[in-house]
Structures are given as C-alpha cells and as structure tokens.
Amino acid sequence: MSIKKIDDRFATSPQLTVEDVAQLASEGYVAIVCARPDNEEPGQPDFDVIAREAEKHGMQAIHIPMTGAPSPEQIAEFQKAMSAIEGPVVGYCRGGGRASALYSAIGA
C-alpha cells in the first residue's frame, strides 16, 4: 500500500486490499472513499468487500465511482461526505488520481 498524504485531512492511495484496511484503521484513518468503479479491471476487490472490512474496523466507507473528471454531482456527494466525517480520510482508485481530483475539486 502506497499512501500519499495530501494534508492532515486527506490522503490518496492506489487500489486498496482487504488487508490494507486494518493498517489504515491502526494509522488513525476514520473513513475510506473509493473513486473507482467496480469491475474496472479483473481481480480488483469490489467496493462492498472493502466497505465490509472498513465497518469491522469502525471506519466509514463511501463509494463515488468515477471514470474521468468528477462531475458536479460527484463533487457535491464528496463534499457532503467529507463534511460529515470527523478525522482523516483516505481516498483510492486505480492509481490515486481520481481520488485526488475529488479532494482538489472541493477546494480543501
């Protein structure tokens, strides 16, 4: 797992695995935002699998699947989610770029 810390509130990562979730929880992350659609690539874990594991560790999990630049609706959904979360969040997608774009779009 390769975490790129943007600031104290948000970090990005390439695709997470179930095993990564426990480590993220132990590092103090309270939520995961997935910007990757399910079945984008063979073998990637479905969001539901990651979300169930996050729940086991007391973390929130939000799915905002994107295939390109974030739409106004996706930005609004992300803003709403971030407003409701207290603590550090990690966003992931295939390489971290879409998750980073979401965070940049809310001007954080």
PDB file of N, CA and C in Angstrom:
ATOM      1  N   MET A   1       0.854  -1.175   0.000  1.00  0.00           N
ATOM      2  CA  MET A   1       0.000   0.000   0.000  1.00  0.00           C
ATOM      3  C   MET A   1       0.896   1.233   0.000  1.00  0.00           C
ATOM      4  N   SER A   2       0.578   2.163  -0.868  1.00  0.00           N
ATOM      5  CA  SER A   2       1.354   3.388  -1.001  1.00  0.00           C
ATOM      6  C   SER A   2       0.443   4.586  -0.738  1.00  0.00           C
ATOM      7  N   ILE A   3       0.546   5.160   0.460  1.00  0.00           N
ATOM      8  CA  ILE A   3      -0.289   6.282   0.858  1.00  0.00           C
ATOM      9  C   ILE A   3       0.438   7.588   0.543  1.00  0.00           C
ATOM     10  N   LYS A   4      -0.264   8.501  -0.105  1.00  0.00           N
ATOM     11  CA  LYS A   4       0.281   9.835  -0.371  1.00  0.00           C
ATOM     12  C   LYS A   4      -0.552  10.833   0.434  1.00  0.00           C
ATOM     13  N   LYS A   5       0.043  11.355   1.485  1.00  0.00           N
ATOM     14  CA  LYS A   5      -0.669  12.297   2.346  1.00  0.00           C
ATOM     15  C   LYS A   5      -0.747  13.656   1.655  1.00  0.00           C
ATOM     16  N   ILE A   6      -1.977  14.149   1.469  1.00  0.00           N
ATOM     17  CA  ILE A   6      -2.187  15.466   0.862  1.00  0.00           C
ATOM     18  C   ILE A   6      -2.083  16.532   1.951  1.00  0.00           C
ATOM     19  N   ASP A   7      -2.787  16.304   3.054  1.00  0.00           N
ATOM     20  CA  ASP A   7      -2.736  17.166   4.230  1.00  0.00           C
ATOM     21  C   ASP A   7      -3.234  16.351   5.418  1.00  0.00           C
ATOM     22  N   ASP A   8      -3.470  16.993   6.558  1.00  0.00           N
ATOM     23  CA  ASP A   8      -3.895  16.251   7.747  1.00  0.00           C
ATOM     24  C   ASP A   8      -5.278  15.642   7.603  1.00  0.00           C
ATOM     25  N   ARG A   9      -6.034  16.078   6.612  1.00  0.00           N
ATOM     26  CA  ARG A   9      -7.419  15.637   6.431  1.00  0.00           C
ATOM     27  C   ARG A   9      -7.581  14.533   5.394  1.00  0.00           C
ATOM     28  N   PHE A  10      -6.675  14.478   4.397  1.00  0.00           N
ATOM     29  CA  PHE A  10      -6.896  13.581   3.264  1.00  0.00           C
ATOM     30  C   PHE A  10      -5.592  13.020   2.727  1.00  0.00           C
ATOM     31  N   ALA A  11      -5.661  11.753   2.347  1.00  0.00           N
ATOM     32  CA  ALA A  11      -4.545  11.063   1.687  1.00  0.00           C
ATOM     33  C   ALA A  11      -5.124  10.235   0.550  1.00  0.00           C
ATOM     34  N   THR A  12      -4.286   9.876  -0.399  1.00  0.00           N
ATOM     35  CA  THR A  12      -4.729   9.043  -1.520  1.00  0.00           C
ATOM     36  C   THR A  12      -3.895   7.778  -1.579  1.00  0.00           C
ATOM     37  N   SER A  13      -4.465   6.802  -2.286  1.00  0.00           N
ATOM     38  CA  SER A  13      -3.796   5.515  -2.438  1.00  0.00           C
ATOM     39  C   SER A  13      -4.254   4.874  -3.736  1.00  0.00           C
ATOM     40  N   PRO A  14      -3.401   4.052  -4.334  1.00  0.00           N
ATOM     41  CA  PRO A  14      -3.897   3.158  -5.383  1.00  0.00           C
ATOM     42  C   PRO A  14      -4.839   2.139  -4.757  1.00  0.00           C
ATOM     43  N   GLN A  15      -5.356   1.243  -5.550  1.00  0.00           N
ATOM     44  CA  GLN A  15      -6.316   0.224  -5.110  1.00  0.00           C
ATOM     45  C   GLN A  15      -5.940  -0.372  -3.754  1.00  0.00           C
ATOM     46  N   LEU A  16      -6.884  -0.361  -2.833  1.00  0.00           N
ATOM     47  CA  LEU A  16      -6.693  -0.977  -1.527  1.00  0.00           C
ATOM     48  C   LEU A  16      -7.081  -2.450  -1.573  1.00  0.00           C
ATOM     49  N   THR A  17      -6.522  -3.207  -0.659  1.00  0.00           N
ATOM     50  CA  THR A  17      -6.919  -4.591  -0.459  1.00  0.00           C
ATOM     51  C   THR A  17      -7.594  -4.690   0.905  1.00  0.00           C
ATOM     52  N   VAL A  18      -8.242  -5.804   1.149  1.00  0.00           N
ATOM     53  CA  VAL A  18      -8.867  -6.032   2.447  1.00  0.00           C
ATOM     54  C   VAL A  18      -7.810  -5.931   3.553  1.00  0.00           C
ATOM     55  N   GLU A  19      -6.638  -6.448   3.303  1.00  0.00           N
ATOM     56  CA  GLU A  19      -5.568  -6.435   4.292  1.00  0.00           C
ATOM     57  C   GLU A  19      -5.118  -5.011   4.628  1.00  0.00           C
ATOM     58  N   ASP A  20      -5.228  -4.094   3.683  1.00  0.00           N
ATOM     59  CA  ASP A  20      -4.814  -2.707   3.917  1.00  0.00           C
ATOM     60  C   ASP A  20      -5.718  -1.984   4.915  1.00  0.00           C
ATOM     61  N   VAL A  21      -6.963  -2.394   5.001  1.00  0.00           N
ATOM     62  CA  VAL A  21      -7.940  -1.659   5.812  1.00  0.00           C
ATOM     63  C   VAL A  21      -7.556  -1.644   7.284  1.00  0.00           C
ATOM     64  N   ALA A  22      -7.140  -2.760   7.830  1.00  0.00           N
ATOM     65  CA  ALA A  22      -6.731  -2.812   9.238  1.00  0.00           C
ATOM     66  C   ALA A  22      -5.567  -1.866   9.498  1.00  0.00           C
ATOM     67  N   GLN A  23      -4.618  -1.823   8.576  1.00  0.00           N
ATOM     68  CA  GLN A  23      -3.473  -0.924   8.740  1.00  0.00           C
ATOM     69  C   GLN A  23      -3.930   0.525   8.723  1.00  0.00           C
ATOM     70  N   LEU A  24      -4.835   0.869   7.812  1.00  0.00           N
ATOM     71  CA  LEU A  24      -5.339   2.242   7.754  1.00  0.00           C
ATOM     72  C   LEU A  24      -6.033   2.627   9.055  1.00  0.00           C
ATOM     73  N   ALA A  25      -6.837   1.716   9.588  1.00  0.00           N
ATOM     74  CA  ALA A  25      -7.516   1.977  10.855  1.00  0.00           C
ATOM     75  C   ALA A  25      -6.498   2.188  11.979  1.00  0.00           C
ATOM     76  N   SER A  26      -5.452   1.366  11.998  1.00  0.00           N
ATOM     77  CA  SER A  26      -4.438   1.497  13.046  1.00  0.00           C
ATOM     78  C   SER A  26      -3.645   2.795  12.917  1.00  0.00           C
ATOM     79  N   GLU A  27      -3.606   3.358  11.717  1.00  0.00           N
ATOM     80  CA  GLU A  27      -2.909   4.628  11.490  1.00  0.00           C
ATOM     81  C   GLU A  27      -3.810   5.831  11.765  1.00  0.00           C
ATOM     82  N   GLY A  28      -5.067   5.578  12.148  1.00  0.00           N
ATOM     83  CA  GLY A  28      -5.952   6.672  12.538  1.00  0.00           C
ATOM     84  C   GLY A  28      -6.935   7.146  11.494  1.00  0.00           C
ATOM     85  N   TYR A  29      -6.951   6.518  10.318  1.00  0.00           N
ATOM     86  CA  TYR A  29      -7.937   6.908   9.311  1.00  0.00           C
ATOM     87  C   TYR A  29      -9.316   6.463   9.774  1.00  0.00           C
ATOM     88  N   VAL A  30     -10.305   7.325   9.581  1.00  0.00           N
ATOM     89  CA  VAL A  30     -11.658   7.031  10.042  1.00  0.00           C
ATOM     90  C   VAL A  30     -12.617   6.727   8.898  1.00  0.00           C
ATOM     91  N   ALA A  31     -12.177   6.975   7.669  1.00  0.00           N
ATOM     92  CA  ALA A  31     -13.054   6.737   6.520  1.00  0.00           C
ATOM     93  C   ALA A  31     -12.228   6.454   5.269  1.00  0.00           C
ATOM     94  N   ILE A  32     -12.896   5.747   4.348  1.00  0.00           N
ATOM     95  CA  ILE A  32     -12.325   5.417   3.042  1.00  0.00           C
ATOM     96  C   ILE A  32     -13.316   5.888   1.982  1.00  0.00           C
ATOM     97  N   VAL A  33     -12.791   6.570   0.973  1.00  0.00           N
ATOM     98  CA  VAL A  33     -13.608   6.971  -0.172  1.00  0.00           C
ATOM     99  C   VAL A  33     -13.044   6.276  -1.403  1.00  0.00           C
ATOM    100  N   CYS A  34     -13.883   5.506  -2.068  1.00  0.00           N
ATOM    101  CA  CYS A  34     -13.475   4.812  -3.287  1.00  0.00           C
ATOM    102  C   CYS A  34     -14.000   5.568  -4.497  1.00  0.00           C
ATOM    103  N   ALA A  35     -13.106   5.991  -5.362  1.00  0.00           N
ATOM    104  CA  ALA A  35     -13.488   6.695  -6.585  1.00  0.00           C
ATOM    105  C   ALA A  35     -13.416   5.769  -7.798  1.00  0.00           C
ATOM    106  N   ARG A  36     -13.288   4.495  -7.558  1.00  0.00           N
ATOM    107  CA  ARG A  36     -13.109   3.522  -8.640  1.00  0.00           C
ATOM    108  C   ARG A  36     -14.378   2.697  -8.863  1.00  0.00           C
ATOM    109  N   PRO A  37     -14.824   2.586 -10.098  1.00  0.00           N
ATOM    110  CA  PRO A  37     -15.969   1.703 -10.357  1.00  0.00           C
ATOM    111  C   PRO A  37     -15.592   0.246 -10.130  1.00  0.00           C
ATOM    112  N   ASP A  38     -16.546  -0.551  -9.657  1.00  0.00           N
ATOM    113  CA  ASP A  38     -16.322  -1.992  -9.575  1.00  0.00           C
ATOM    114  C   ASP A  38     -16.104  -2.543 -10.979  1.00  0.00           C
ATOM    115  N   ASN A  39     -15.352  -3.619 -11.067  1.00  0.00           N
ATOM    116  CA  ASN A  39     -15.087  -4.327 -12.335  1.00  0.00           C
ATOM    117  C   ASN A  39     -14.363  -3.487 -13.374  1.00  0.00           C
ATOM    118  N   GLU A  40     -13.622  -2.492 -12.922  1.00  0.00           N
ATOM    119  CA  GLU A  40     -12.834  -1.694 -13.867  1.00  0.00           C
ATOM    120  C   GLU A  40     -11.687  -2.527 -14.434  1.00  0.00           C
ATOM    121  N   GLU A  41     -11.224  -3.453 -13.628  1.00  0.00           N
ATOM    122  CA  GLU A  41     -10.077  -4.273 -14.011  1.00  0.00           C
ATOM    123  C   GLU A  41     -10.242  -5.654 -13.368  1.00  0.00           C
ATOM    124  N   PRO A  42      -9.903  -6.708 -14.084  1.00  0.00           N
ATOM    125  CA  PRO A  42     -10.036  -8.047 -13.496  1.00  0.00           C
ATOM    126  C   PRO A  42      -9.222  -8.174 -12.208  1.00  0.00           C
ATOM    127  N   GLY A  43      -9.838  -8.803 -11.215  1.00  0.00           N
ATOM    128  CA  GLY A  43      -9.132  -9.075  -9.972  1.00  0.00           C
ATOM    129  C   GLY A  43      -9.205  -7.998  -8.908  1.00  0.00           C
ATOM    130  N   GLN A  44      -9.734  -6.837  -9.229  1.00  0.00           N
ATOM    131  CA  GLN A  44      -9.806  -5.797  -8.201  1.00  0.00           C
ATOM    132  C   GLN A  44     -10.914  -6.145  -7.201  1.00  0.00           C
ATOM    133  N   PRO A  45     -10.697  -5.870  -5.921  1.00  0.00           N
ATOM    134  CA  PRO A  45     -11.753  -6.152  -4.945  1.00  0.00           C
ATOM    135  C   PRO A  45     -12.952  -5.220  -5.168  1.00  0.00           C
ATOM    136  N   ASP A  46     -14.156  -5.775  -5.069  1.00  0.00           N
ATOM    137  CA  ASP A  46     -15.355  -4.942  -5.160  1.00  0.00           C
ATOM    138  C   ASP A  46     -15.396  -3.991  -3.974  1.00  0.00           C
ATOM    139  N   PHE A  47     -16.005  -2.842  -4.179  1.00  0.00           N
ATOM    140  CA  PHE A  47     -16.126  -1.870  -3.102  1.00  0.00           C
ATOM    141  C   PHE A  47     -16.815  -2.482  -1.881  1.00  0.00           C
ATOM    142  N   ASP A  48     -17.844  -3.280  -2.086  1.00  0.00           N
ATOM    143  CA  ASP A  48     -18.576  -3.863  -0.958  1.00  0.00           C
ATOM    144  C   ASP A  48     -17.667  -4.680  -0.046  1.00  0.00           C
ATOM    145  N   VAL A  49     -16.694  -5.344  -0.609  1.00  0.00           N
ATOM    146  CA  VAL A  49     -15.749  -6.139   0.187  1.00  0.00           C
ATOM    147  C   VAL A  49     -14.905  -5.217   1.060  1.00  0.00           C
ATOM    148  N   ILE A  50     -14.411  -4.144   0.470  1.00  0.00           N
ATOM    149  CA  ILE A  50     -13.615  -3.165   1.214  1.00  0.00           C
ATOM    150  C   ILE A  50     -14.486  -2.491   2.276  1.00  0.00           C
ATOM    151  N   ALA A  51     -15.722  -2.137   1.912  1.00  0.00           N
ATOM    152  CA  ALA A  51     -16.631  -1.459   2.842  1.00  0.00           C
ATOM    153  C   ALA A  51     -16.947  -2.336   4.053  1.00  0.00           C
ATOM    154  N   ARG A  52     -17.190  -3.613   3.836  1.00  0.00           N
ATOM    155  CA  ARG A  52     -17.469  -4.528   4.959  1.00  0.00           C
ATOM    156  C   ARG A  52     -16.271  -4.605   5.905  1.00  0.00           C
ATOM    157  N   GLU A  53     -15.081  -4.660   5.329  1.00  0.00           N
ATOM    158  CA  GLU A  53     -13.882  -4.720   6.166  1.00  0.00           C
ATOM    159  C   GLU A  53     -13.698  -3.407   6.928  1.00  0.00           C
ATOM    160  N   ALA A  54     -13.959  -2.292   6.271  1.00  0.00           N
ATOM    161  CA  ALA A  54     -13.859  -0.987   6.937  1.00  0.00           C
ATOM    162  C   ALA A  54     -14.815  -0.932   8.128  1.00  0.00           C
ATOM    163  N   GLU A  55     -16.015  -1.404   7.927  1.00  0.00           N
ATOM    164  CA  GLU A  55     -17.020  -1.406   9.002  1.00  0.00           C
ATOM    165  C   GLU A  55     -16.536  -2.218  10.204  1.00  0.00           C
ATOM    166  N   LYS A  56     -15.870  -3.334   9.944  1.00  0.00           N
ATOM    167  CA  LYS A  56     -15.335  -4.166  11.027  1.00  0.00           C
ATOM    168  C   LYS A  56     -14.340  -3.392  11.890  1.00  0.00           C
ATOM    169  N   HIS A  57     -13.701  -2.390  11.282  1.00  0.00           N
ATOM    170  CA  HIS A  57     -12.685  -1.600  11.981  1.00  0.00           C
ATOM    171  C   HIS A  57     -13.213  -0.234  12.413  1.00  0.00           C
ATOM    172  N   GLY A  58     -14.536  -0.070  12.363  1.00  0.00           N
ATOM    173  CA  GLY A  58     -15.146   1.183  12.808  1.00  0.00           C
ATOM    174  C   GLY A  58     -14.976   2.347  11.856  1.00  0.00           C
ATOM    175  N   MET A  59     -14.668   2.049  10.605  1.00  0.00           N
ATOM    176  CA  MET A  59     -14.464   3.096   9.608  1.00  0.00           C
ATOM    177  C   MET A  59     -15.694   3.241   8.716  1.00  0.00           C
ATOM    178  N   GLN A  60     -15.904   4.442   8.215  1.00  0.00           N
ATOM    179  CA  GLN A  60     -16.933   4.676   7.208  1.00  0.00           C
ATOM    180  C   GLN A  60     -16.349   4.363   5.832  1.00  0.00           C
ATOM    181  N   ALA A  61     -17.206   3.993   4.897  1.00  0.00           N
ATOM    182  CA  ALA A  61     -16.767   3.739   3.524  1.00  0.00           C
ATOM    183  C   ALA A  61     -17.790   4.366   2.582  1.00  0.00           C
ATOM    184  N   ILE A  62     -17.297   5.157   1.658  1.00  0.00           N
ATOM    185  CA  ILE A  62     -18.143   5.878   0.703  1.00  0.00           C
ATOM    186  C   ILE A  62     -17.686   5.524  -0.699  1.00  0.00           C
ATOM    187  N   HIS A  63     -18.640   5.244  -1.585  1.00  0.00           N
ATOM    188  CA  HIS A  63     -18.315   4.884  -2.968  1.00  0.00           C
ATOM    189  C   HIS A  63     -18.818   5.976  -3.902  1.00  0.00           C
ATOM    190  N   ILE A  64     -17.885   6.622  -4.592  1.00  0.00           N
ATOM    191  CA  ILE A  64     -18.208   7.631  -5.602  1.00  0.00           C
ATOM    192  C   ILE A  64     -17.455   7.243  -6.869  1.00  0.00           C
ATOM    193  N   PRO A  65     -17.978   6.241  -7.593  1.00  0.00           N
ATOM    194  CA  PRO A  65     -17.247   5.735  -8.763  1.00  0.00           C
ATOM    195  C   PRO A  65     -17.154   6.781  -9.878  1.00  0.00           C
ATOM    196  N   MET A  66     -15.955   6.921 -10.411  1.00  0.00           N
ATOM    197  CA  MET A  66     -15.684   7.888 -11.477  1.00  0.00           C
ATOM    198  C   MET A  66     -14.924   7.209 -12.606  1.00  0.00           C
ATOM    199  N   THR A  67     -15.138   7.686 -13.820  1.00  0.00           N
ATOM    200  CA  THR A  67     -14.362   7.184 -14.956  1.00  0.00           C
ATOM    201  C   THR A  67     -13.517   8.281 -15.599  1.00  0.00           C
ATOM    202  N   GLY A  68     -13.639   9.486 -15.144  1.00  0.00           N
ATOM    203  CA  GLY A  68     -12.875  10.612 -15.669  1.00  0.00           C
ATOM    204  C   GLY A  68     -12.873  11.722 -14.641  1.00  0.00           C
ATOM    205  N   ALA A  69     -12.939  12.949 -15.122  1.00  0.00           N
ATOM    206  CA  ALA A  69     -13.004  14.087 -14.211  1.00  0.00           C
ATOM    207  C   ALA A  69     -14.307  14.033 -13.418  1.00  0.00           C
ATOM    208  N   PRO A  70     -14.281  14.513 -12.176  1.00  0.00           N
ATOM    209  CA  PRO A  70     -15.505  14.454 -11.366  1.00  0.00           C
ATOM    210  C   PRO A  70     -16.597  15.373 -11.907  1.00  0.00           C
ATOM    211  N   SER A  71     -17.823  14.851 -11.880  1.00  0.00           N
ATOM    212  CA  SER A  71     -18.984  15.649 -12.296  1.00  0.00           C
ATOM    213  C   SER A  71     -19.406  16.541 -11.126  1.00  0.00           C
ATOM    214  N   PRO A  72     -20.224  17.553 -11.397  1.00  0.00           N
ATOM    215  CA  PRO A  72     -20.730  18.379 -10.300  1.00  0.00           C
ATOM    216  C   PRO A  72     -21.469  17.548  -9.245  1.00  0.00           C
ATOM    217  N   GLU A  73     -22.189  16.519  -9.669  1.00  0.00           N
ATOM    218  CA  GLU A  73     -22.906  15.658  -8.726  1.00  0.00           C
ATOM    219  C   GLU A  73     -21.934  14.867  -7.849  1.00  0.00           C
ATOM    220  N   GLN A  74     -20.876  14.366  -8.455  1.00  0.00           N
ATOM    221  CA  GLN A  74     -19.877  13.612  -7.690  1.00  0.00           C
ATOM    222  C   GLN A  74     -19.152  14.522  -6.695  1.00  0.00           C
ATOM    223  N   ILE A  75     -18.862  15.735  -7.122  1.00  0.00           N
ATOM    224  CA  ILE A  75     -18.205  16.696  -6.236  1.00  0.00           C
ATOM    225  C   ILE A  75     -19.115  17.015  -5.051  1.00  0.00           C
ATOM    226  N   ALA A  76     -20.393  17.236  -5.330  1.00  0.00           N
ATOM    227  CA  ALA A  76     -21.347  17.535  -4.256  1.00  0.00           C
ATOM    228  C   ALA A  76     -21.471  16.360  -3.288  1.00  0.00           C
ATOM    229  N   GLU A  77     -21.504  15.144  -3.812  1.00  0.00           N
ATOM    230  CA  GLU A  77     -21.591  13.950  -2.968  1.00  0.00           C
ATOM    231  C   GLU A  77     -20.345  13.821  -2.087  1.00  0.00           C
ATOM    232  N   PHE A  78     -19.192  14.089  -2.677  1.00  0.00           N
ATOM    233  CA  PHE A  78     -17.942  14.020  -1.924  1.00  0.00           C
ATOM    234  C   PHE A  78     -17.903  15.103  -0.849  1.00  0.00           C
ATOM    235  N   GLN A  79     -18.304  16.313  -1.201  1.00  0.00           N
ATOM    236  CA  GLN A  79     -18.333  17.416  -0.236  1.00  0.00           C
ATOM    237  C   GLN A  79     -19.240  17.071   0.946  1.00  0.00           C
ATOM    238  N   LYS A  80     -20.397  16.521   0.653  1.00  0.00           N
ATOM    239  CA  LYS A  80     -21.337  16.140   1.706  1.00  0.00           C
ATOM    240  C   LYS A  80     -20.723  15.074   2.612  1.00  0.00           C
ATOM    241  N   ALA A  81     -20.081  14.078   2.014  1.00  0.00           N
ATOM    242  CA  ALA A  81     -19.446  13.018   2.796  1.00  0.00           C
ATOM    243  C   ALA A  81     -18.330  13.578   3.668  1.00  0.00           C
ATOM    244  N   MET A  82     -17.484  14.414   3.094  1.00  0.00           N
ATOM    245  CA  MET A  82     -16.364  14.967   3.854  1.00  0.00           C
ATOM    246  C   MET A  82     -16.855  15.851   4.994  1.00  0.00           C
ATOM    247  N   SER A  83     -17.943  16.558   4.782  1.00  0.00           N
ATOM    248  CA  SER A  83     -18.498  17.420   5.836  1.00  0.00           C
ATOM    249  C   SER A  83     -18.999  16.607   7.021  1.00  0.00           C
ATOM    250  N   ALA A  84     -19.401  15.384   6.774  1.00  0.00           N
ATOM    251  CA  ALA A  84     -19.972  14.534   7.829  1.00  0.00           C
ATOM    252  C   ALA A  84     -18.920  13.683   8.543  1.00  0.00           C
ATOM    253  N   ILE A  85     -17.699  13.675   8.047  1.00  0.00           N
ATOM    254  CA  ILE A  85     -16.652  12.819   8.612  1.00  0.00           C
ATOM    255  C   ILE A  85     -15.716  13.657   9.476  1.00  0.00           C
ATOM    256  N   GLU A  86     -15.493  13.187  10.684  1.00  0.00           N
ATOM    257  CA  GLU A  86     -14.549  13.831  11.608  1.00  0.00           C
ATOM    258  C   GLU A  86     -13.280  12.990  11.644  1.00  0.00           C
ATOM    259  N   GLY A  87     -12.221  13.495  11.082  1.00  0.00           N
ATOM    260  CA  GLY A  87     -10.961  12.770  11.128  1.00  0.00           C
ATOM    261  C   GLY A  87     -10.393  12.534   9.746  1.00  0.00           C
ATOM    262  N   PRO A  88      -9.216  11.914   9.684  1.00  0.00           N
ATOM    263  CA  PRO A  88      -8.525  11.713   8.416  1.00  0.00           C
ATOM    264  C   PRO A  88      -9.192  10.653   7.533  1.00  0.00           C
ATOM    265  N   VAL A  89      -9.147  10.922   6.246  1.00  0.00           N
ATOM    266  CA  VAL A  89      -9.802  10.100   5.226  1.00  0.00           C
ATOM    267  C   VAL A  89      -8.754   9.696   4.193  1.00  0.00           C
ATOM    268  N   VAL A  90      -8.870   8.467   3.700  1.00  0.00           N
ATOM    269  CA  VAL A  90      -8.045   8.045   2.574  1.00  0.00           C
ATOM    270  C   VAL A  90      -8.968   7.760   1.392  1.00  0.00           C
ATOM    271  N   GLY A  91      -8.615   8.329   0.252  1.00  0.00           N
ATOM    272  CA  GLY A  91      -9.358   8.090  -0.977  1.00  0.00           C
ATOM    273  C   GLY A  91      -8.520   7.225  -1.901  1.00  0.00           C
ATOM    274  N   TYR A  92      -9.185   6.311  -2.599  1.00  0.00           N
ATOM    275  CA  TYR A  92      -8.430   5.453  -3.508  1.00  0.00           C
ATOM    276  C   TYR A  92      -9.168   5.257  -4.825  1.00  0.00           C
ATOM    277  N   CYS A  93      -8.394   4.865  -5.812  1.00  0.00           N
ATOM    278  CA  CYS A  93      -8.888   4.464  -7.126  1.00  0.00           C
ATOM    279  C   CYS A  93      -7.781   3.593  -7.720  1.00  0.00           C
ATOM    280  N   ARG A  94      -7.661   3.538  -8.994  1.00  0.00           N
ATOM    281  CA  ARG A  94      -6.621   2.676  -9.578  1.00  0.00           C
ATOM    282  C   ARG A  94      -5.220   3.156  -9.199  1.00  0.00           C
ATOM    283  N   GLY A  95      -5.000   4.460  -9.343  1.00  0.00           N
ATOM    284  CA  GLY A  95      -3.675   4.994  -9.035  1.00  0.00           C
ATOM    285  C   GLY A  95      -3.671   6.136  -8.030  1.00  0.00           C
ATOM    286  N   GLY A  96      -4.843   6.621  -7.649  1.00  0.00           N
ATOM    287  CA  GLY A  96      -4.953   7.715  -6.688  1.00  0.00           C
ATOM    288  C   GLY A  96      -5.359   9.040  -7.312  1.00  0.00           C
ATOM    289  N   GLY A  97      -5.291   9.146  -8.631  1.00  0.00           N
ATOM    290  CA  GLY A  97      -5.565  10.417  -9.311  1.00  0.00           C
ATOM    291  C   GLY A  97      -7.004  10.888  -9.206  1.00  0.00           C
ATOM    292  N   ARG A  98      -7.953   9.986  -9.381  1.00  0.00           N
ATOM    293  CA  ARG A  98      -9.365  10.390  -9.309  1.00  0.00           C
ATOM    294  C   ARG A  98      -9.742  10.800  -7.895  1.00  0.00           C
ATOM    295  N   ALA A  99      -9.218  10.082  -6.903  1.00  0.00           N
ATOM    296  CA  ALA A  99      -9.489  10.451  -5.507  1.00  0.00           C
ATOM    297  C   ALA A  99      -8.903  11.835  -5.212  1.00  0.00           C
ATOM    298  N   SER A 100      -7.714  12.085  -5.707  1.00  0.00           N
ATOM    299  CA  SER A 100      -7.080  13.396  -5.535  1.00  0.00           C
ATOM    300  C   SER A 100      -7.869  14.497  -6.227  1.00  0.00           C
ATOM    301  N   ALA A 101      -8.407  14.199  -7.416  1.00  0.00           N
ATOM    302  CA  ALA A 101      -9.206  15.178  -8.151  1.00  0.00           C
ATOM    303  C   ALA A 101     -10.464  15.558  -7.383  1.00  0.00           C
ATOM    304  N   LEU A 102     -11.084  14.590  -6.731  1.00  0.00           N
ATOM    305  CA  LEU A 102     -12.265  14.885  -5.915  1.00  0.00           C
ATOM    306  C   LEU A 102     -11.900  15.856  -4.795  1.00  0.00           C
ATOM    307  N   TYR A 103     -10.811  15.584  -4.113  1.00  0.00           N
ATOM    308  CA  TYR A 103     -10.407  16.432  -2.996  1.00  0.00           C
ATOM    309  C   TYR A 103     -10.045  17.831  -3.485  1.00  0.00           C
ATOM    310  N   SER A 104      -9.340  17.912  -4.592  1.00  0.00           N
ATOM    311  CA  SER A 104      -8.985  19.213  -5.161  1.00  0.00           C
ATOM    312  C   SER A 104     -10.226  20.001  -5.563  1.00  0.00           C
ATOM    313  N   ALA A 105     -11.233  19.294  -6.041  1.00  0.00           N
ATOM    314  CA  ALA A 105     -12.451  19.958  -6.545  1.00  0.00           C
ATOM    315  C   ALA A 105     -13.240  20.651  -5.450  1.00  0.00           C
ATOM    316  N   ILE A 106     -13.080  20.208  -4.194  1.00  0.00           N
ATOM    317  CA  ILE A 106     -13.813  20.884  -3.120  1.00  0.00           C
ATOM    318  C   ILE A 106     -12.988  21.996  -2.487  1.00  0.00           C
ATOM    319  N   GLY A 107     -11.816  22.251  -3.064  1.00  0.00           N
ATOM    320  CA  GLY A 107     -11.004  23.369  -2.613  1.00  0.00           C
ATOM    321  C   GLY A 107     -10.433  23.187  -1.223  1.00  0.00           C
ATOM    322  N   ALA A 108     -10.249  21.956  -0.837  1.00  0.00           N
ATOM    323  CA  ALA A 108      -9.740  21.686   0.508  1.00  0.00           C
ATOM    324  C   ALA A 108      -8.233  21.830   0.550  1.00  0.00           C
TER     325      ALA A 108
END
